[in-house]
Each structure stands twice: as C-alpha cells, then as structure tokens.
Protein backbone atom coordinates (compact mmCIF):
# COMPACT_ATOMS: atom_id res chain seq x y z
CA UNK A 1 5.63 -4.19 1.20
CA UNK A 2 5.39 -3.91 -2.56
CA UNK A 3 3.24 -5.94 -4.88
CA UNK A 4 3.83 -5.92 -8.61
CA UNK A 5 1.09 -7.23 -10.86
CA UNK A 6 2.46 -10.04 -13.00
CA UNK A 7 0.32 -9.55 -16.11
CA UNK A 8 -0.80 -6.18 -17.43
CA UNK A 9 -2.45 -7.48 -20.61
CA UNK A 10 -6.26 -7.55 -20.30
CA UNK A 11 -6.12 -6.56 -16.64
CA UNK A 12 -8.90 -7.81 -14.42
CA UNK A 13 -10.30 -4.86 -12.45
CA UNK A 14 -11.40 -7.15 -9.61
CA UNK A 15 -7.85 -8.43 -9.12
CA UNK A 16 -6.42 -4.91 -9.13
CA UNK A 17 -8.97 -3.66 -6.59
CA UNK A 18 -8.30 -6.70 -4.38
CA UNK A 19 -4.55 -5.95 -4.43
CA UNK A 20 -5.21 -2.30 -3.50
CA UNK A 21 -7.50 -3.41 -0.68
CA UNK A 22 -4.83 -5.82 0.58
CA UNK A 23 -2.26 -3.01 0.57
CA UNK A 24 -4.63 -0.83 2.63
CA UNK A 25 -5.52 -3.53 5.15
CA UNK A 26 -4.09 -2.74 8.56
CA UNK A 27 -2.34 0.43 7.39
CA UNK A 28 -2.52 3.03 10.17
CA UNK A 29 0.06 5.60 9.02
CA UNK A 30 1.56 5.66 5.54
CA UNK A 31 0.63 5.62 1.87
CA UNK A 32 -0.37 3.33 -0.95
CA UNK A 33 1.06 4.36 -4.32
CA UNK A 34 -0.39 3.03 -7.58
CA UNK A 35 1.86 3.28 -10.65
CA UNK A 36 0.20 3.41 -14.06
CA UNK A 37 2.04 3.03 -17.37
CA UNK A 38 0.27 3.34 -20.73
CA UNK A 39 -3.11 3.20 -18.99
CA UNK A 40 -2.29 -0.02 -17.12
CA UNK A 41 -1.64 -0.54 -13.42
CA UNK A 42 1.90 -1.89 -13.24
CA UNK A 43 2.79 -1.56 -9.54
CA UNK A 44 1.18 -1.11 -6.15
CA UNK A 45 3.51 0.01 -3.38
CA UNK A 46 2.75 0.24 0.33
CA UNK A 47 4.77 2.56 2.55
CA UNK A 48 4.14 2.24 6.25
CA UNK A 49 5.40 4.57 8.95
CA UNK A 50 6.07 3.61 12.52
CA UNK A 51 6.35 6.50 14.97
CA UNK A 52 8.39 5.90 18.08
CA UNK A 53 7.78 8.05 21.11
CA UNK A 54 10.02 8.54 24.10
CA UNK A 55 8.49 7.29 27.36
CA UNK A 56 6.64 10.04 29.19
CA UNK A 57 8.10 11.26 32.50
CA UNK A 58 4.76 11.57 34.28
CA UNK A 59 4.76 10.87 38.00
CA UNK A 60 1.55 10.21 39.93
C-alpha cells in the first residue's frame, strides 16, 4: 500500500500524521517509509511482510 500526498504546498501537519497513523494501523511485520523532498513530505509508503511457515510435524 502506498499513499502519496496530493498537495505539498502549505502542508497540514494533522493530515500528514493521520496518513502515517493509517499506514501503521494493523501493520505487524514491515516498514513505513516517509519520503521528504525540499522539507516537504511527498510520499508515505507501507511495506508489509507475510511470513509463511511449513506445517509442524508434531505428533501427540
């Protein structure tokens, strides 16, 4: 999931923080990357990892 802020002129800090919070919501394993250009947040990117495990061979 990636979210790019539409307007970087006169950025509203509340909107930016809300977008970062949205990117973090429900994230268990991964990263949120915030890209800044000329002192302005221009992109927020969410990278999520899903780890698959082989079924265990435990016998009771």
